[in-house]
C-alpha atoms as a PDB file:
ATOM      1  CA  MET A   1      17.180 -10.213 -19.447  1.00  0.00           C
ATOM      2  CA  SER A   2      17.230 -12.389 -16.495  1.00  0.00           C
ATOM      3  CA  SER A   3      14.477 -12.735 -13.919  1.00  0.00           C
ATOM      4  CA  SER A   4      16.892 -10.994 -11.373  1.00  0.00           C
ATOM      5  CA  GLN A   5      17.534  -7.751 -13.378  1.00  0.00           C
ATOM      6  CA  SER A   6      15.180  -4.936 -13.272  1.00  0.00           C
ATOM      7  CA  ARG A   7      13.090  -3.961 -16.065  1.00  0.00           C
ATOM      8  CA  PRO A   8      12.501  -0.426 -16.944  1.00  0.00           C
ATOM      9  CA  ILE A   9       8.436   0.658 -16.147  1.00  0.00           C
ATOM     10  CA  GLY A  10       6.754   0.309 -19.430  1.00  0.00           C
ATOM     11  CA  THR A  11       8.699  -2.533 -21.352  1.00  0.00           C
ATOM     12  CA  GLY A  12       8.029  -5.780 -22.135  1.00  0.00           C
ATOM     13  CA  PRO A  13       4.907  -7.809 -23.063  1.00  0.00           C
ATOM     14  CA  ALA A  14       2.524  -6.384 -20.181  1.00  0.00           C
ATOM     15  CA  ASP A  15       3.416  -2.632 -21.616  1.00  0.00           C
ATOM     16  CA  LEU A  16       0.014  -0.975 -21.488  1.00  0.00           C
ATOM     17  CA  THR A  17       1.292   1.264 -24.848  1.00  0.00           C
ATOM     18  CA  ALA A  18       2.338  -1.775 -26.860  1.00  0.00           C
ATOM     19  CA  SER A  19      -1.084  -1.307 -28.434  1.00  0.00           C
ATOM     20  CA  ALA A  20      -1.446   2.516 -28.344  1.00  0.00           C
ATOM     21  CA  PRO A  21      -1.766   4.120 -31.612  1.00  0.00           C
ATOM     22  CA  SER A  22       1.096   6.283 -32.810  1.00  0.00           C
ATOM     23  CA  GLY A  23       0.701   9.964 -33.063  1.00  0.00           C
ATOM     24  CA  PRO A  24       0.758  13.235 -31.484  1.00  0.00           C
ATOM     25  CA  ALA A  25      -0.019  11.765 -28.118  1.00  0.00           C
ATOM     26  CA  LEU A  26       0.390   8.250 -27.028  1.00  0.00           C
ATOM     27  CA  ALA A  27      -2.911   6.761 -25.339  1.00  0.00           C
ATOM     28  CA  SER A  28      -1.223   6.674 -22.064  1.00  0.00           C
ATOM     29  CA  ASP A  29      -0.474  10.455 -22.057  1.00  0.00           C
ATOM     30  CA  LEU A  30      -4.122  10.906 -22.820  1.00  0.00           C
ATOM     31  CA  VAL A  31      -5.109   8.869 -20.129  1.00  0.00           C
ATOM     32  CA  ALA A  32      -2.650  10.732 -17.725  1.00  0.00           C
ATOM     33  CA  ASN A  33      -4.193  13.711 -18.754  1.00  0.00           C
ATOM     34  CA  VAL A  34      -7.734  12.415 -17.488  1.00  0.00           C
ATOM     35  CA  PHE A  35      -6.415  11.187 -14.351  1.00  0.00           C
ATOM     36  CA  ALA A  36      -4.575  14.664 -13.787  1.00  0.00           C
ATOM     37  CA  ALA A  37      -7.772  16.396 -14.617  1.00  0.00           C
ATOM     38  CA  LEU A  38      -9.986  14.351 -12.394  1.00  0.00           C
ATOM     39  CA  GLY A  39      -7.250  14.997  -9.681  1.00  0.00           C
ATOM     40  CA  ASP A  40      -9.182  18.289  -8.667  1.00  0.00           C
ATOM     41  CA  PRO A  41     -12.019  17.909  -6.216  1.00  0.00           C
ATOM     42  CA  THR A  42     -13.902  20.585  -8.086  1.00  0.00           C
ATOM     43  CA  ARG A  43     -13.384  19.085 -11.131  1.00  0.00           C
ATOM     44  CA  LEU A  44     -14.500  15.648 -10.352  1.00  0.00           C
ATOM     45  CA  LYS A  45     -17.454  17.196  -8.638  1.00  0.00           C
ATOM     46  CA  LEU A  46     -18.440  18.582 -12.104  1.00  0.00           C
ATOM     47  CA  VAL A  47     -17.784  15.515 -13.615  1.00  0.00           C
ATOM     48  CA  ALA A  48     -20.213  13.879 -11.095  1.00  0.00           C
ATOM     49  CA  VAL A  49     -22.961  16.413 -11.750  1.00  0.00           C
ATOM     50  CA  LEU A  50     -22.296  16.144 -15.581  1.00  0.00           C
ATOM     51  CA  CYS A  51     -22.987  12.063 -15.102  1.00  0.00           C
ATOM     52  CA  ALA A  52     -26.400  12.893 -14.332  1.00  0.00           C
ATOM     53  CA  GLY A  53     -26.761  13.051 -17.994  1.00  0.00           C
ATOM     54  CA  GLY A  54     -27.877  15.947 -20.226  1.00  0.00           C
ATOM     55  CA  ALA A  55     -25.857  19.095 -20.984  1.00  0.00           C
ATOM     56  CA  PHE A  56     -25.684  22.135 -18.254  1.00  0.00           C
ATOM     57  CA  SER A  57     -24.997  25.609 -18.642  1.00  0.00           C
ATOM     58  CA  ILE A  58     -22.522  27.283 -16.752  1.00  0.00           C
ATOM     59  CA  ALA A  59     -25.266  28.956 -14.558  1.00  0.00           C
ATOM     60  CA  GLN A  60     -26.830  25.562 -13.751  1.00  0.00           C
ATOM     61  CA  LEU A  61     -23.529  24.275 -13.125  1.00  0.00           C
ATOM     62  CA  THR A  62     -22.354  27.272 -10.805  1.00  0.00           C
ATOM     63  CA  ALA A  63     -26.015  27.151  -8.834  1.00  0.00           C
ATOM     64  CA  ASN A  64     -25.808  26.137  -5.014  1.00  0.00           C
ATOM     65  CA  THR A  65     -21.638  26.571  -5.218  1.00  0.00           C
ATOM     66  CA  ASP A  66     -19.667  28.775  -3.914  1.00  0.00           C
ATOM     67  CA  ILE A  67     -17.414  28.876  -7.070  1.00  0.00           C
ATOM     68  CA  SER A  68     -17.564  31.477  -9.467  1.00  0.00           C
ATOM     69  CA  ARG A  69     -18.555  31.289 -13.251  1.00  0.00           C
ATOM     70  CA  GLN A  70     -15.298  32.021 -14.047  1.00  0.00           C
ATOM     71  CA  GLY A  71     -13.530  29.358 -11.817  1.00  0.00           C
ATOM     72  CA  VAL A  72     -15.994  26.872 -13.389  1.00  0.00           C
ATOM     73  CA  THR A  73     -15.148  27.841 -16.773  1.00  0.00           C
ATOM     74  CA  LYS A  74     -11.739  27.431 -15.991  1.00  0.00           C
ATOM     75  CA  HIS A  75     -12.397  23.910 -14.424  1.00  0.00           C
ATOM     76  CA  LEU A  76     -14.542  23.182 -17.346  1.00  0.00           C
ATOM     77  CA  GLN A  77     -11.649  23.781 -20.107  1.00  0.00           C
ATOM     78  CA  VAL A  78      -9.074  21.685 -18.122  1.00  0.00           C
ATOM     79  CA  LEU A  79     -11.741  18.856 -18.386  1.00  0.00           C
ATOM     80  CA  ALA A  80     -12.158  19.623 -22.051  1.00  0.00           C
ATOM     81  CA  ASP A  81      -8.362  19.657 -22.855  1.00  0.00           C
ATOM     82  CA  ALA A  82      -8.283  16.168 -21.178  1.00  0.00           C
ATOM     83  CA  GLY A  83     -10.772  14.976 -23.496  1.00  0.00           C
ATOM     84  CA  VAL A  84     -13.636  14.418 -20.704  1.00  0.00           C
ATOM     85  CA  VAL A  85     -16.007  17.045 -21.766  1.00  0.00           C
ATOM     86  CA  ARG A  86     -17.391  19.013 -24.413  1.00  0.00           C
ATOM     87  CA  ASP A  87     -19.393  22.168 -25.054  1.00  0.00           C
ATOM     88  CA  VAL A  88     -22.228  22.658 -27.435  1.00  0.00           C
ATOM     89  CA  LYS A  89     -23.659  25.896 -28.633  1.00  0.00           C
ATOM     90  CA  ALA A  90     -27.135  26.353 -28.009  1.00  0.00           C
ATOM     91  CA  GLY A  91     -28.198  29.752 -29.029  1.00  0.00           C
ATOM     92  CA  ARG A  92     -25.941  32.530 -27.129  1.00  0.00           C
ATOM     93  CA  GLU A  93     -25.034  29.697 -24.496  1.00  0.00           C
ATOM     94  CA  ARG A  94     -22.525  26.998 -24.227  1.00  0.00           C
ATOM     95  CA  LEU A  95     -23.952  23.758 -22.871  1.00  0.00           C
ATOM     96  CA  TRP A  96     -21.420  21.299 -21.112  1.00  0.00           C
ATOM     97  CA  GLN A  97     -21.846  17.564 -21.448  1.00  0.00           C
ATOM     98  CA  LEU A  98     -19.912  14.597 -20.461  1.00  0.00           C
ATOM     99  CA  ASP A  99     -17.733  12.848 -23.302  1.00  0.00           C
ATOM    100  CA  PRO A 100     -17.464   9.552 -21.342  1.00  0.00           C
ATOM    101  CA  SER A 101     -14.834   7.934 -24.332  1.00  0.00           C
ATOM    102  CA  ARG A 102     -11.754   8.867 -22.306  1.00  0.00           C
ATOM    103  CA  ILE A 103     -12.962   7.939 -18.924  1.00  0.00           C
ATOM    104  CA  GLU A 104     -13.841   4.498 -20.413  1.00  0.00           C
ATOM    105  CA  GLU A 105     -10.324   4.478 -21.717  1.00  0.00           C
ATOM    106  CA  ALA A 106      -9.028   5.358 -18.180  1.00  0.00           C
ATOM    107  CA  ARG A 107     -10.954   2.659 -16.516  1.00  0.00           C
ATOM    108  CA  ARG A 108      -9.777   0.158 -19.153  1.00  0.00           C
ATOM    109  CA  THR A 109      -6.337   1.331 -18.143  1.00  0.00           C
ATOM    110  CA  LEU A 110      -6.841   0.948 -14.494  1.00  0.00           C
ATOM    111  CA  GLU A 111      -8.356  -2.669 -15.081  1.00  0.00           C
ATOM    112  CA  ALA A 112      -5.329  -3.697 -16.898  1.00  0.00           C
ATOM    113  CA  ILE A 113      -2.956  -2.083 -14.074  1.00  0.00           C
ATOM    114  CA  GLY A 114      -5.253  -4.122 -11.517  1.00  0.00           C
ATOM    115  CA  GLN A 115      -4.742  -7.535 -13.463  1.00  0.00           C
ATOM    116  CA  GLN A 116      -1.109  -7.008 -13.489  1.00  0.00           C
ATOM    117  CA  TRP A 117      -1.271  -6.600  -9.933  1.00  0.00           C
ATOM    118  CA  ASP A 118      -3.156  -9.627  -9.598  1.00  0.00           C
ATOM    119  CA  VAL A 119      -0.533 -11.668 -11.452  1.00  0.00           C
ATOM    120  CA  ALA A 120       2.322 -10.300  -9.640  1.00  0.00           C
ATOM    121  CA  LEU A 121       0.634 -11.021  -6.270  1.00  0.00           C
ATOM    122  CA  GLY A 122      -0.168 -14.250  -7.288  1.00  0.00           C
ATOM    123  CA  LYS A 123       3.612 -15.169  -8.425  1.00  0.00           C
ATOM    124  CA  LEU A 124       4.662 -13.418  -4.813  1.00  0.00           C
ATOM    125  CA  LYS A 125       2.142 -16.110  -3.025  1.00  0.00           C
ATOM    126  CA  ALA A 126       3.394 -19.192  -5.178  1.00  0.00           C
ATOM    127  CA  PHE A 127       6.840 -18.118  -4.385  1.00  0.00           C
ATOM    128  CA  ALA A 128       6.360 -17.422  -0.798  1.00  0.00           C
ATOM    129  CA  GLU A 129       4.348 -20.814  -0.386  1.00  0.00           C
ATOM    130  CA  SER A 130       7.229 -22.949  -1.953  1.00  0.00           C
ATOM    131  CA  ALA A 131       9.993 -21.090   0.372  1.00  0.00           C
END
C-alpha cells in the first residue's frame, strides 16, 4: 500500500490490538468499556471517591449526595461490568473498592495513542518545514 492510499484504522504496525490477547473480548473492547463507564459524571465521581482507598458501602457512597442507593448501585454495576470496581461481602453488607488494573490498561492505551499522535505530528512538521 502506497503512502498516498488510506489505510483503515486499526491496521498495520501501530495497531493497538496487535498484541492483544484473543478470546471472548479483545483488549481494545475491554478498554472501550472502561472509557464508556467513566464517561458518566456520576460514575466518574464514584471512582474518584473509591480512589481514596479502602472499601465503601452503598450508604457511605450515597452520603452527602442527591443520588439514591438504588441509583448508586446501578452505577456501581456498570463500573463492575467494565472491571473498574469490585464488591466484597462483609457480613450482610457489600463493600465496593477500586480495581485499578483496567484503569491502568486504559491509561496505557491513551499513552500509546499519544505517542502515535506525537509521531504523526512530527512527520507533519517535517513535511511542512521541507516544503
